[in-house]
Amino acid sequence: MKIKKYFWYFLLTLTVSGCSSLGVQPWERNLLAKKEMLLNASLIDSSLDDHIYFSKESSSGGKSFAGGGCGCN
């Protein structure tokens, strides 16, 4: 019975401490501020993707809208 109790305490401690390291530390922010860490690091590739999405089957809105010009949303 005592081992079960310690097991549950250990499991509870492990679960609670699992969320203690969430977030960005102040000394890590310089790495996240680099240009390579952007979602679209290359502006040329991003503009080409926008052009492809915009000109497919007369769809409107580019990649921010679902479906194409065929009516299948």
N, C-alpha and C. Protein backbone atom coordinates (compact mmCIF):
# COMPACT_ATOMS: atom_id res chain seq x y z
N MET A 1 0.83 -1.20 0.00
CA MET A 1 0.00 0.00 0.00
C MET A 1 0.87 1.26 0.00
N LYS A 2 1.95 1.22 0.75
CA LYS A 2 2.84 2.38 0.84
C LYS A 2 3.57 2.61 -0.49
N ILE A 3 3.91 1.53 -1.19
CA ILE A 3 4.58 1.66 -2.49
C ILE A 3 3.64 2.28 -3.50
N LYS A 4 2.37 1.91 -3.47
CA LYS A 4 1.38 2.50 -4.36
C LYS A 4 1.27 4.01 -4.13
N LYS A 5 1.28 4.39 -2.87
CA LYS A 5 1.18 5.80 -2.52
C LYS A 5 2.37 6.58 -3.06
N TYR A 6 3.57 6.05 -2.89
CA TYR A 6 4.77 6.71 -3.41
C TYR A 6 4.78 6.75 -4.93
N PHE A 7 4.26 5.71 -5.54
CA PHE A 7 4.17 5.68 -6.99
C PHE A 7 3.28 6.81 -7.49
N TRP A 8 2.13 7.02 -6.86
CA TRP A 8 1.22 8.08 -7.29
C TRP A 8 1.81 9.46 -7.03
N TYR A 9 2.55 9.62 -5.93
CA TYR A 9 3.25 10.88 -5.68
C TYR A 9 4.31 11.14 -6.75
N PHE A 10 5.04 10.10 -7.10
CA PHE A 10 6.05 10.23 -8.13
C PHE A 10 5.42 10.57 -9.47
N LEU A 11 4.33 9.91 -9.82
CA LEU A 11 3.64 10.17 -11.08
C LEU A 11 3.07 11.59 -11.12
N LEU A 12 2.52 12.03 -10.01
CA LEU A 12 1.99 13.39 -9.94
C LEU A 12 3.10 14.43 -10.08
N THR A 13 4.21 14.20 -9.41
CA THR A 13 5.35 15.11 -9.51
C THR A 13 5.90 15.16 -10.93
N LEU A 14 6.00 14.02 -11.55
CA LEU A 14 6.49 13.94 -12.92
C LEU A 14 5.56 14.67 -13.88
N THR A 15 4.26 14.51 -13.69
CA THR A 15 3.28 15.16 -14.56
C THR A 15 3.30 16.67 -14.40
N VAL A 16 3.35 17.14 -13.17
CA VAL A 16 3.34 18.58 -12.91
C VAL A 16 4.64 19.23 -13.38
N SER A 17 5.74 18.56 -13.20
CA SER A 17 7.02 19.16 -13.61
C SER A 17 7.24 19.10 -15.11
N GLY A 18 6.42 18.37 -15.84
CA GLY A 18 6.56 18.29 -17.29
C GLY A 18 6.26 19.60 -17.98
N CYS A 19 5.43 20.43 -17.39
CA CYS A 19 5.06 21.71 -17.98
C CYS A 19 5.90 22.87 -17.46
N SER A 20 6.89 22.60 -16.68
CA SER A 20 7.65 23.69 -16.06
C SER A 20 8.61 24.37 -17.02
N SER A 21 8.94 23.75 -18.13
CA SER A 21 9.93 24.34 -19.04
C SER A 21 9.29 24.87 -20.32
N LEU A 22 8.01 25.21 -20.29
CA LEU A 22 7.37 25.77 -21.48
C LEU A 22 7.73 27.23 -21.63
N GLY A 23 7.78 27.70 -22.85
CA GLY A 23 8.07 29.10 -23.10
C GLY A 23 9.52 29.30 -23.53
N VAL A 24 9.78 30.51 -23.97
CA VAL A 24 11.10 30.87 -24.46
C VAL A 24 11.83 31.63 -23.36
N GLN A 25 13.03 31.22 -23.07
CA GLN A 25 13.84 31.90 -22.08
C GLN A 25 14.44 33.16 -22.71
N PRO A 26 14.75 34.18 -21.91
CA PRO A 26 15.28 35.43 -22.46
C PRO A 26 16.57 35.25 -23.26
N TRP A 27 17.41 34.32 -22.88
CA TRP A 27 18.67 34.13 -23.61
C TRP A 27 18.48 33.34 -24.90
N GLU A 28 17.28 32.80 -25.13
CA GLU A 28 17.01 32.07 -26.37
C GLU A 28 16.33 32.94 -27.42
N ARG A 29 15.94 34.12 -27.06
CA ARG A 29 15.19 34.97 -27.99
C ARG A 29 16.04 35.47 -29.15
N ASN A 30 17.34 35.58 -28.95
CA ASN A 30 18.19 36.03 -30.06
C ASN A 30 18.22 34.99 -31.17
N LEU A 31 18.09 33.72 -30.84
CA LEU A 31 18.06 32.68 -31.88
C LEU A 31 16.75 32.72 -32.66
N LEU A 32 15.66 33.01 -31.98
CA LEU A 32 14.37 33.04 -32.65
C LEU A 32 14.16 34.31 -33.47
N ALA A 33 14.97 35.32 -33.24
CA ALA A 33 14.83 36.57 -33.97
C ALA A 33 15.59 36.58 -35.29
N LYS A 34 16.31 35.51 -35.59
CA LYS A 34 17.07 35.47 -36.84
C LYS A 34 16.15 35.28 -38.04
N LYS A 35 16.63 35.72 -39.19
CA LYS A 35 15.84 35.64 -40.42
C LYS A 35 15.54 34.20 -40.81
N GLU A 36 16.44 33.28 -40.50
CA GLU A 36 16.24 31.88 -40.86
C GLU A 36 15.10 31.22 -40.09
N MET A 37 14.69 31.83 -38.99
CA MET A 37 13.65 31.23 -38.16
C MET A 37 12.25 31.69 -38.56
N LEU A 38 12.13 32.51 -39.58
CA LEU A 38 10.81 32.93 -40.06
C LEU A 38 10.08 31.74 -40.66
N LEU A 39 8.75 31.82 -40.69
CA LEU A 39 7.99 30.75 -41.33
C LEU A 39 8.27 30.70 -42.83
N ASN A 40 8.40 31.87 -43.44
CA ASN A 40 8.77 31.96 -44.84
C ASN A 40 10.10 32.69 -44.91
N ALA A 41 11.18 31.97 -44.81
CA ALA A 41 12.50 32.58 -44.77
C ALA A 41 12.88 33.21 -46.11
N SER A 42 12.43 32.63 -47.19
CA SER A 42 12.76 33.16 -48.51
C SER A 42 11.54 33.88 -49.08
N LEU A 43 11.67 35.18 -49.29
CA LEU A 43 10.55 35.96 -49.81
C LEU A 43 10.25 35.61 -51.27
N ILE A 44 11.26 35.22 -52.03
CA ILE A 44 11.03 34.85 -53.43
C ILE A 44 10.20 33.58 -53.51
N ASP A 45 10.54 32.57 -52.70
CA ASP A 45 9.75 31.34 -52.69
C ASP A 45 8.32 31.60 -52.24
N SER A 46 8.17 32.47 -51.26
CA SER A 46 6.84 32.80 -50.77
C SER A 46 6.00 33.48 -51.85
N SER A 47 6.60 34.41 -52.60
CA SER A 47 5.84 35.09 -53.66
C SER A 47 5.51 34.14 -54.81
N LEU A 48 6.42 33.22 -55.12
CA LEU A 48 6.10 32.22 -56.15
C LEU A 48 4.97 31.31 -55.71
N ASP A 49 4.97 30.89 -54.45
CA ASP A 49 3.87 30.06 -53.94
C ASP A 49 2.55 30.82 -53.98
N ASP A 50 2.57 32.09 -53.62
CA ASP A 50 1.35 32.90 -53.69
C ASP A 50 0.84 33.00 -55.12
N HIS A 51 1.74 33.15 -56.08
CA HIS A 51 1.34 33.24 -57.48
C HIS A 51 0.73 31.92 -57.95
N ILE A 52 1.31 30.81 -57.55
CA ILE A 52 0.77 29.50 -57.95
C ILE A 52 -0.61 29.28 -57.37
N TYR A 53 -0.78 29.59 -56.09
CA TYR A 53 -2.09 29.41 -55.46
C TYR A 53 -3.12 30.35 -56.05
N PHE A 54 -2.69 31.57 -56.40
CA PHE A 54 -3.64 32.55 -56.91
C PHE A 54 -4.12 32.19 -58.31
N SER A 55 -3.25 31.62 -59.12
CA SER A 55 -3.62 31.40 -60.52
C SER A 55 -4.13 30.00 -60.82
N LYS A 56 -4.39 29.20 -59.82
CA LYS A 56 -4.91 27.85 -60.10
C LYS A 56 -6.41 27.89 -60.34
N GLU A 57 -6.85 27.42 -61.44
CA GLU A 57 -8.26 27.25 -61.79
C GLU A 57 -9.14 28.41 -61.39
N SER A 58 -8.70 29.60 -61.64
CA SER A 58 -9.45 30.84 -61.39
C SER A 58 -9.96 30.94 -59.97
N SER A 59 -9.19 30.48 -59.02
CA SER A 59 -9.59 30.65 -57.62
C SER A 59 -9.27 32.07 -57.18
N SER A 60 -9.91 32.53 -56.14
CA SER A 60 -9.63 33.88 -55.67
C SER A 60 -9.14 33.83 -54.24
N GLY A 61 -8.27 34.73 -53.91
CA GLY A 61 -7.78 34.82 -52.54
C GLY A 61 -6.48 34.12 -52.29
N GLY A 62 -5.97 33.39 -53.26
CA GLY A 62 -4.70 32.70 -53.06
C GLY A 62 -4.82 31.55 -52.08
N LYS A 63 -3.86 31.42 -51.19
CA LYS A 63 -3.84 30.26 -50.30
C LYS A 63 -4.62 30.46 -49.02
N SER A 64 -5.26 31.60 -48.85
CA SER A 64 -6.00 31.82 -47.61
C SER A 64 -7.43 31.29 -47.69
N PHE A 65 -7.88 30.87 -48.85
CA PHE A 65 -9.23 30.33 -49.01
C PHE A 65 -9.14 28.87 -49.43
N ALA A 66 -10.13 28.09 -49.02
CA ALA A 66 -10.15 26.66 -49.35
C ALA A 66 -10.80 26.44 -50.71
N GLY A 67 -10.44 25.35 -51.34
CA GLY A 67 -11.06 24.97 -52.59
C GLY A 67 -10.48 25.66 -53.80
N GLY A 68 -10.90 25.24 -54.95
CA GLY A 68 -10.44 25.83 -56.19
C GLY A 68 -11.60 26.40 -56.97
N GLY A 69 -11.41 26.59 -58.27
CA GLY A 69 -12.45 27.14 -59.10
C GLY A 69 -13.48 26.11 -59.53
N CYS A 70 -13.29 24.85 -59.15
CA CYS A 70 -14.19 23.80 -59.60
C CYS A 70 -15.45 23.71 -58.73
N GLY A 71 -15.52 24.45 -57.64
CA GLY A 71 -16.70 24.43 -56.78
C GLY A 71 -16.59 23.44 -55.64
N CYS A 72 -15.48 22.75 -55.50
CA CYS A 72 -15.33 21.79 -54.41
C CYS A 72 -14.60 22.46 -53.25
N ASN A 73 -15.34 22.80 -52.23
CA ASN A 73 -14.76 23.52 -51.08
C ASN A 73 -14.44 22.56 -49.98
